[in-house]
């Protein structure tokens, strides 16, 4: 199995699989994993005092530009798991988060993702607003290691 960098997370959210998220084979549909990741990113921003509604009212729109997502093990009905997030980079025009979906009951993650995005200003140009740049402080909490 490939090894994925697993930084120390600066944010963790506990979730539980709901039955309607399963496919006909009894596992979580692959598209649902992105919903879990997105929900955790939004909760992380909220926890850091960044309101998506406020950004929108000021003409800023955060967008994902790339996701590298590895499915490692299947989530099933009622599995409880953690979605972790580590800030890998925040530059003038881009941000990158590393996220994992980890079971509560065993060490091997269900999924790993590197999410890259930007924030578009009212003119549609990439521009990371000052409140988003504060996320750079969380990079210090991130120490990459191999799992």
N, C-alpha and C. Protein backbone atom coordinates (compact mmCIF):
# COMPACT_ATOMS: atom_id res chain seq x y z
N UNK A 1 0.85 -1.18 0.00
CA UNK A 1 0.00 0.00 0.00
C UNK A 1 0.89 1.24 0.00
N UNK A 2 0.55 2.23 -0.82
CA UNK A 2 1.35 3.48 -0.82
C UNK A 2 1.32 4.16 0.54
N UNK A 3 2.34 4.92 0.80
CA UNK A 3 2.40 5.68 2.05
C UNK A 3 2.00 7.12 1.74
N UNK A 4 1.20 7.69 2.62
CA UNK A 4 0.72 9.05 2.43
C UNK A 4 1.23 9.91 3.58
N UNK A 5 1.67 11.14 3.29
CA UNK A 5 2.09 12.01 4.39
C UNK A 5 0.92 12.30 5.30
N UNK A 6 1.14 12.15 6.58
CA UNK A 6 0.07 12.38 7.52
C UNK A 6 0.51 13.43 8.54
N UNK A 7 0.22 14.69 8.25
CA UNK A 7 0.62 15.74 9.18
C UNK A 7 -0.18 15.70 10.47
N UNK A 8 0.37 16.33 11.48
CA UNK A 8 -0.36 16.48 12.73
C UNK A 8 -1.53 17.43 12.47
N UNK A 9 -2.76 17.00 12.72
CA UNK A 9 -3.91 17.86 12.39
C UNK A 9 -4.03 19.04 13.34
N UNK A 10 -4.56 20.13 12.80
CA UNK A 10 -4.88 21.29 13.62
C UNK A 10 -6.38 21.37 13.86
N UNK A 11 -7.13 20.43 13.25
CA UNK A 11 -8.59 20.40 13.42
C UNK A 11 -9.07 18.97 13.22
N UNK A 12 -10.03 18.55 14.06
CA UNK A 12 -10.61 17.22 13.97
C UNK A 12 -12.11 17.32 14.20
N UNK A 13 -12.87 16.59 13.39
CA UNK A 13 -14.32 16.57 13.50
C UNK A 13 -14.79 15.12 13.51
N UNK A 14 -15.63 14.75 14.47
CA UNK A 14 -16.17 13.39 14.53
C UNK A 14 -17.50 13.33 13.79
N UNK A 15 -17.66 12.31 12.95
CA UNK A 15 -18.89 12.10 12.18
C UNK A 15 -19.31 10.64 12.26
N UNK A 16 -20.53 10.36 11.80
CA UNK A 16 -21.04 9.00 11.74
C UNK A 16 -21.72 8.78 10.39
N UNK A 17 -21.49 7.61 9.80
CA UNK A 17 -22.10 7.26 8.52
C UNK A 17 -23.60 7.10 8.71
N UNK A 18 -24.36 7.71 7.80
CA UNK A 18 -25.82 7.57 7.78
C UNK A 18 -26.19 6.58 6.68
N UNK A 19 -27.24 5.81 6.90
CA UNK A 19 -27.62 4.75 5.97
C UNK A 19 -27.84 5.24 4.54
N UNK A 20 -28.39 6.42 4.36
CA UNK A 20 -28.66 6.89 3.00
C UNK A 20 -27.39 7.24 2.23
N UNK A 21 -26.22 7.21 2.89
CA UNK A 21 -24.96 7.50 2.21
C UNK A 21 -24.33 6.24 1.59
N UNK A 22 -24.98 5.10 1.78
CA UNK A 22 -24.44 3.83 1.30
C UNK A 22 -24.84 3.58 -0.15
N UNK A 23 -23.98 2.85 -0.85
CA UNK A 23 -24.34 2.42 -2.19
C UNK A 23 -24.99 1.03 -2.12
N UNK A 24 -25.28 0.46 -3.24
CA UNK A 24 -25.98 -0.83 -3.25
C UNK A 24 -25.14 -1.97 -2.71
N UNK A 25 -23.84 -1.75 -2.51
CA UNK A 25 -22.96 -2.79 -1.98
C UNK A 25 -22.75 -2.66 -0.48
N UNK A 26 -23.46 -1.71 0.15
CA UNK A 26 -23.42 -1.55 1.60
C UNK A 26 -22.25 -0.76 2.13
N UNK A 27 -21.54 -0.04 1.26
CA UNK A 27 -20.44 0.82 1.71
C UNK A 27 -20.77 2.26 1.31
N UNK A 28 -20.07 3.20 1.93
CA UNK A 28 -20.30 4.61 1.63
C UNK A 28 -19.92 4.88 0.17
N UNK A 29 -20.82 5.53 -0.55
CA UNK A 29 -20.57 5.89 -1.93
C UNK A 29 -19.36 6.81 -2.00
N UNK A 30 -18.52 6.62 -3.01
CA UNK A 30 -17.27 7.38 -3.08
C UNK A 30 -17.48 8.89 -3.12
N UNK A 31 -18.56 9.37 -3.71
CA UNK A 31 -18.81 10.82 -3.78
C UNK A 31 -19.07 11.41 -2.40
N UNK A 32 -19.57 10.60 -1.48
CA UNK A 32 -19.91 11.08 -0.13
C UNK A 32 -18.65 11.47 0.64
N UNK A 33 -17.54 10.81 0.35
CA UNK A 33 -16.29 11.14 1.03
C UNK A 33 -15.95 12.63 0.83
N UNK A 34 -16.21 13.13 -0.36
CA UNK A 34 -15.93 14.55 -0.60
C UNK A 34 -16.86 15.44 0.22
N UNK A 35 -18.09 15.00 0.45
CA UNK A 35 -19.00 15.76 1.33
C UNK A 35 -18.43 15.83 2.75
N UNK A 36 -17.93 14.70 3.26
CA UNK A 36 -17.33 14.69 4.59
C UNK A 36 -16.14 15.66 4.67
N UNK A 37 -15.28 15.61 3.65
CA UNK A 37 -14.11 16.48 3.63
C UNK A 37 -14.51 17.95 3.58
N UNK A 38 -15.49 18.26 2.73
CA UNK A 38 -15.94 19.66 2.61
C UNK A 38 -16.56 20.15 3.91
N UNK A 39 -17.40 19.32 4.53
CA UNK A 39 -18.03 19.72 5.79
C UNK A 39 -16.97 20.03 6.84
N UNK A 40 -15.94 19.20 6.91
CA UNK A 40 -14.87 19.44 7.88
C UNK A 40 -14.11 20.74 7.57
N UNK A 41 -13.88 21.02 6.28
CA UNK A 41 -13.21 22.29 5.93
C UNK A 41 -14.04 23.49 6.36
N UNK A 42 -15.35 23.42 6.12
CA UNK A 42 -16.22 24.53 6.52
C UNK A 42 -16.24 24.70 8.04
N UNK A 43 -16.29 23.59 8.77
CA UNK A 43 -16.27 23.66 10.24
C UNK A 43 -14.94 24.20 10.74
N UNK A 44 -13.86 23.82 10.08
CA UNK A 44 -12.54 24.35 10.44
C UNK A 44 -12.50 25.86 10.27
N UNK A 45 -12.95 26.35 9.11
CA UNK A 45 -12.96 27.80 8.88
C UNK A 45 -13.81 28.51 9.93
N UNK A 46 -14.98 27.95 10.23
CA UNK A 46 -15.86 28.54 11.24
C UNK A 46 -15.14 28.59 12.60
N UNK A 47 -14.46 27.50 12.96
CA UNK A 47 -13.74 27.45 14.23
C UNK A 47 -12.62 28.48 14.30
N UNK A 48 -12.10 28.87 13.13
CA UNK A 48 -11.04 29.88 13.07
C UNK A 48 -11.60 31.29 12.87
N UNK A 49 -12.91 31.43 12.99
CA UNK A 49 -13.52 32.76 12.90
C UNK A 49 -13.72 33.27 11.49
N UNK A 50 -13.68 32.37 10.52
CA UNK A 50 -13.88 32.77 9.12
C UNK A 50 -15.28 32.34 8.70
N UNK A 51 -16.12 33.33 8.41
CA UNK A 51 -17.49 33.07 8.00
C UNK A 51 -17.58 33.07 6.48
N UNK A 52 -18.09 31.97 5.92
CA UNK A 52 -18.28 31.91 4.47
C UNK A 52 -19.28 32.96 4.02
N UNK A 53 -20.32 33.22 4.82
CA UNK A 53 -21.29 34.26 4.48
C UNK A 53 -20.64 35.63 4.44
N UNK A 54 -19.75 35.90 5.41
CA UNK A 54 -19.04 37.18 5.43
C UNK A 54 -18.12 37.31 4.22
N UNK A 55 -17.39 36.25 3.90
CA UNK A 55 -16.54 36.29 2.70
C UNK A 55 -17.36 36.60 1.47
N UNK A 56 -18.49 35.91 1.33
CA UNK A 56 -19.36 36.11 0.17
C UNK A 56 -19.86 37.55 0.10
N UNK A 57 -20.25 38.12 1.25
CA UNK A 57 -20.77 39.49 1.27
C UNK A 57 -19.70 40.51 0.88
N UNK A 58 -18.43 40.15 1.06
CA UNK A 58 -17.32 41.02 0.67
C UNK A 58 -16.81 40.72 -0.74
N UNK A 59 -17.50 39.82 -1.45
CA UNK A 59 -17.13 39.52 -2.83
C UNK A 59 -16.12 38.41 -3.00
N UNK A 60 -15.86 37.63 -1.95
CA UNK A 60 -14.89 36.54 -2.03
C UNK A 60 -15.60 35.19 -2.09
N UNK A 61 -15.08 34.30 -2.93
CA UNK A 61 -15.64 32.96 -3.09
C UNK A 61 -14.52 31.92 -3.01
N UNK A 62 -14.44 31.17 -1.89
CA UNK A 62 -13.45 30.09 -1.83
C UNK A 62 -13.87 28.96 -2.79
N UNK A 63 -12.90 28.45 -3.53
CA UNK A 63 -13.17 27.35 -4.46
C UNK A 63 -12.06 26.31 -4.38
N UNK A 64 -12.44 25.07 -4.55
CA UNK A 64 -11.47 23.98 -4.64
C UNK A 64 -11.03 23.88 -6.10
N UNK A 65 -9.73 23.80 -6.32
CA UNK A 65 -9.21 23.68 -7.68
C UNK A 65 -8.67 22.29 -7.98
N UNK A 66 -8.33 21.53 -6.92
CA UNK A 66 -7.80 20.18 -7.14
C UNK A 66 -7.96 19.37 -5.87
N UNK A 67 -8.33 18.09 -6.05
CA UNK A 67 -8.36 17.15 -4.93
C UNK A 67 -7.66 15.87 -5.36
N UNK A 68 -6.70 15.46 -4.57
CA UNK A 68 -6.06 14.15 -4.74
C UNK A 68 -6.62 13.30 -3.61
N UNK A 69 -7.45 12.33 -3.94
CA UNK A 69 -8.19 11.56 -2.93
C UNK A 69 -7.91 10.08 -3.10
N UNK A 70 -7.40 9.45 -2.05
CA UNK A 70 -7.13 8.02 -2.06
C UNK A 70 -8.12 7.32 -1.13
N UNK A 71 -8.82 6.35 -1.66
CA UNK A 71 -9.75 5.53 -0.88
C UNK A 71 -8.98 4.31 -0.38
N UNK A 72 -8.84 4.17 0.93
CA UNK A 72 -7.99 3.14 1.49
C UNK A 72 -8.77 1.97 2.09
N UNK A 73 -9.89 2.26 2.72
CA UNK A 73 -10.76 1.23 3.31
C UNK A 73 -12.19 1.75 3.26
N UNK A 74 -13.15 0.85 3.22
CA UNK A 74 -14.55 1.25 3.08
C UNK A 74 -15.19 1.62 4.41
N UNK A 75 -15.94 2.70 4.38
CA UNK A 75 -16.81 3.07 5.50
C UNK A 75 -18.14 2.36 5.31
N UNK A 76 -18.74 1.94 6.42
CA UNK A 76 -20.01 1.22 6.39
C UNK A 76 -21.01 1.88 7.33
N UNK A 77 -22.23 1.43 7.27
CA UNK A 77 -23.31 2.01 8.07
C UNK A 77 -22.93 2.14 9.54
N UNK A 78 -23.18 3.32 10.08
CA UNK A 78 -23.00 3.64 11.49
C UNK A 78 -21.54 3.68 11.95
N UNK A 79 -20.58 3.53 11.03
CA UNK A 79 -19.18 3.72 11.42
C UNK A 79 -19.02 5.15 11.95
N UNK A 80 -18.34 5.27 13.07
CA UNK A 80 -17.97 6.58 13.60
C UNK A 80 -16.52 6.80 13.21
N UNK A 81 -16.21 8.03 12.81
CA UNK A 81 -14.87 8.31 12.32
C UNK A 81 -14.52 9.77 12.53
N UNK A 82 -13.24 10.06 12.41
CA UNK A 82 -12.74 11.42 12.53
C UNK A 82 -12.31 11.91 11.16
N UNK A 83 -12.62 13.16 10.87
CA UNK A 83 -12.07 13.83 9.70
C UNK A 83 -11.05 14.81 10.25
N UNK A 84 -9.79 14.63 9.86
CA UNK A 84 -8.73 15.52 10.33
C UNK A 84 -8.36 16.49 9.23
N UNK A 85 -7.80 17.61 9.63
CA UNK A 85 -7.37 18.62 8.68
C UNK A 85 -6.07 19.22 9.17
N UNK A 86 -5.11 19.35 8.27
CA UNK A 86 -3.85 20.05 8.54
C UNK A 86 -3.64 21.05 7.41
N UNK A 87 -3.18 22.22 7.76
CA UNK A 87 -2.88 23.24 6.76
C UNK A 87 -1.46 22.97 6.26
N UNK A 88 -1.35 22.70 4.96
CA UNK A 88 -0.04 22.43 4.39
C UNK A 88 0.59 23.72 3.84
N UNK A 89 -0.23 24.60 3.25
CA UNK A 89 0.31 25.83 2.68
C UNK A 89 -0.78 26.87 2.51
N UNK A 90 -0.40 28.12 2.69
CA UNK A 90 -1.25 29.27 2.35
C UNK A 90 -0.32 30.28 1.69
N UNK A 91 -0.55 30.54 0.41
CA UNK A 91 0.27 31.49 -0.32
C UNK A 91 -0.59 32.70 -0.70
N UNK A 92 -0.05 33.55 -1.52
CA UNK A 92 -0.77 34.75 -1.95
C UNK A 92 -2.05 34.41 -2.72
N UNK A 93 -2.04 33.27 -3.41
CA UNK A 93 -3.20 32.93 -4.26
C UNK A 93 -3.71 31.50 -4.07
N UNK A 94 -3.18 30.75 -3.12
CA UNK A 94 -3.56 29.34 -3.02
C UNK A 94 -3.48 28.86 -1.57
N UNK A 95 -4.30 27.86 -1.25
CA UNK A 95 -4.19 27.16 0.02
C UNK A 95 -4.21 25.66 -0.24
N UNK A 96 -3.57 24.90 0.63
CA UNK A 96 -3.57 23.45 0.52
C UNK A 96 -3.78 22.85 1.91
N UNK A 97 -4.76 21.94 1.99
CA UNK A 97 -5.04 21.21 3.21
C UNK A 97 -4.77 19.72 2.97
N UNK A 98 -4.32 19.02 4.00
CA UNK A 98 -4.25 17.56 3.96
C UNK A 98 -5.30 17.06 4.94
N UNK A 99 -6.15 16.15 4.46
CA UNK A 99 -7.24 15.65 5.29
C UNK A 99 -7.24 14.11 5.28
N UNK A 100 -7.66 13.54 6.40
CA UNK A 100 -7.83 12.09 6.48
C UNK A 100 -9.19 11.79 7.09
N UNK A 101 -9.71 10.62 6.77
CA UNK A 101 -10.87 10.05 7.44
C UNK A 101 -10.34 8.86 8.21
N UNK A 102 -10.41 8.94 9.54
CA UNK A 102 -9.80 7.92 10.40
C UNK A 102 -10.86 7.25 11.26
N UNK A 103 -10.81 5.93 11.37
CA UNK A 103 -11.75 5.24 12.25
C UNK A 103 -11.41 5.51 13.71
N UNK A 104 -12.42 5.42 14.54
CA UNK A 104 -12.19 5.55 15.98
C UNK A 104 -11.62 4.26 16.56
N UNK A 105 -11.86 3.14 15.86
CA UNK A 105 -11.56 1.84 16.45
C UNK A 105 -10.30 1.16 15.92
N UNK A 106 -9.66 1.70 14.89
CA UNK A 106 -8.44 1.07 14.37
C UNK A 106 -7.52 2.13 13.77
N UNK A 107 -6.24 1.82 13.61
CA UNK A 107 -5.29 2.85 13.20
C UNK A 107 -5.29 3.20 11.71
N UNK A 108 -5.71 2.30 10.84
CA UNK A 108 -5.59 2.57 9.41
C UNK A 108 -6.70 3.49 8.92
N UNK A 109 -6.33 4.56 8.19
CA UNK A 109 -7.36 5.51 7.72
C UNK A 109 -8.23 4.92 6.61
N UNK A 110 -9.44 5.47 6.51
CA UNK A 110 -10.36 5.10 5.43
C UNK A 110 -9.99 5.82 4.14
N UNK A 111 -9.54 7.07 4.26
CA UNK A 111 -9.23 7.86 3.08
C UNK A 111 -8.22 8.94 3.44
N UNK A 112 -7.52 9.41 2.42
CA UNK A 112 -6.53 10.47 2.54
C UNK A 112 -6.75 11.43 1.38
N UNK A 113 -6.63 12.74 1.64
CA UNK A 113 -6.83 13.72 0.57
C UNK A 113 -5.90 14.91 0.74
N UNK A 114 -5.46 15.43 -0.39
CA UNK A 114 -4.77 16.73 -0.43
C UNK A 114 -5.69 17.63 -1.25
N UNK A 115 -6.16 18.71 -0.62
CA UNK A 115 -7.13 19.60 -1.24
C UNK A 115 -6.47 20.95 -1.47
N UNK A 116 -6.48 21.39 -2.72
CA UNK A 116 -5.90 22.68 -3.08
C UNK A 116 -7.03 23.58 -3.57
N UNK A 117 -6.95 24.83 -3.19
CA UNK A 117 -7.97 25.78 -3.62
C UNK A 117 -7.44 27.19 -3.64
N UNK A 118 -8.35 28.09 -3.95
CA UNK A 118 -8.05 29.51 -3.94
C UNK A 118 -9.29 30.25 -3.50
N UNK A 119 -9.18 31.53 -3.39
CA UNK A 119 -10.34 32.38 -3.11
C UNK A 119 -10.41 33.38 -4.26
N UNK A 120 -11.55 33.44 -4.91
CA UNK A 120 -11.75 34.38 -6.01
C UNK A 120 -12.33 35.68 -5.46
N UNK A 121 -11.79 36.81 -5.93
CA UNK A 121 -12.34 38.11 -5.50
C UNK A 121 -13.53 38.47 -6.38
N UNK A 122 -14.10 39.63 -6.17
CA UNK A 122 -15.31 40.05 -6.90
C UNK A 122 -15.07 40.14 -8.40
N UNK A 123 -13.81 40.28 -8.82
CA UNK A 123 -13.48 40.32 -10.24
C UNK A 123 -13.20 38.94 -10.81
N UNK A 124 -13.29 37.90 -9.96
CA UNK A 124 -13.03 36.54 -10.42
C UNK A 124 -11.56 36.18 -10.46
N UNK A 125 -10.72 36.99 -9.83
CA UNK A 125 -9.27 36.74 -9.80
C UNK A 125 -8.88 36.12 -8.46
N UNK A 126 -7.89 35.22 -8.47
CA UNK A 126 -7.44 34.64 -7.21
C UNK A 126 -6.85 35.69 -6.27
N UNK A 127 -7.32 35.68 -5.03
CA UNK A 127 -6.82 36.61 -4.01
C UNK A 127 -7.18 36.05 -2.64
N UNK A 128 -6.17 35.71 -1.88
CA UNK A 128 -6.41 35.20 -0.53
C UNK A 128 -6.63 36.40 0.39
N UNK A 129 -7.83 36.56 0.96
CA UNK A 129 -8.08 37.70 1.83
C UNK A 129 -7.30 37.59 3.15
N UNK A 130 -7.12 38.71 3.84
CA UNK A 130 -6.32 38.70 5.08
C UNK A 130 -6.81 37.68 6.11
N UNK A 131 -8.12 37.55 6.31
CA UNK A 131 -8.59 36.60 7.33
C UNK A 131 -8.24 35.16 6.95
N UNK A 132 -8.19 34.84 5.68
CA UNK A 132 -7.78 33.51 5.22
C UNK A 132 -6.28 33.32 5.42
N UNK A 133 -5.50 34.38 5.23
CA UNK A 133 -4.05 34.29 5.40
C UNK A 133 -3.67 33.94 6.83
N UNK A 134 -4.55 34.25 7.79
CA UNK A 134 -4.27 33.90 9.19
C UNK A 134 -4.12 32.39 9.37
N UNK A 135 -4.64 31.60 8.44
CA UNK A 135 -4.53 30.15 8.54
C UNK A 135 -3.08 29.70 8.47
N UNK A 136 -2.19 30.57 7.98
CA UNK A 136 -0.76 30.25 7.95
C UNK A 136 -0.26 29.90 9.34
N UNK A 137 -0.87 30.49 10.36
CA UNK A 137 -0.44 30.21 11.73
C UNK A 137 -0.59 28.73 12.07
N UNK A 138 -1.55 28.05 11.44
CA UNK A 138 -1.77 26.64 11.73
C UNK A 138 -0.75 25.74 11.05
N UNK A 139 0.02 26.27 10.11
CA UNK A 139 1.07 25.47 9.47
C UNK A 139 2.10 25.04 10.51
N UNK A 140 2.35 25.89 11.49
CA UNK A 140 3.32 25.56 12.52
C UNK A 140 2.91 24.33 13.32
N UNK A 141 1.59 24.06 13.36
CA UNK A 141 1.11 22.87 14.07
C UNK A 141 1.29 21.60 13.25
N UNK A 142 1.59 21.77 11.98
CA UNK A 142 1.67 20.65 11.06
C UNK A 142 3.11 20.19 10.90
N UNK A 143 3.35 18.98 11.26
CA UNK A 143 4.68 18.40 11.06
C UNK A 143 4.50 17.13 10.23
N UNK A 144 4.93 17.16 8.98
CA UNK A 144 4.74 16.01 8.12
C UNK A 144 5.55 14.83 8.60
N UNK A 145 4.91 13.68 8.52
CA UNK A 145 5.59 12.41 8.81
C UNK A 145 4.97 11.36 7.91
N UNK A 146 5.59 10.24 7.79
CA UNK A 146 5.04 9.15 6.98
C UNK A 146 4.31 8.18 7.89
N UNK A 147 3.21 7.61 7.33
CA UNK A 147 2.48 6.60 8.10
C UNK A 147 2.78 5.23 7.55
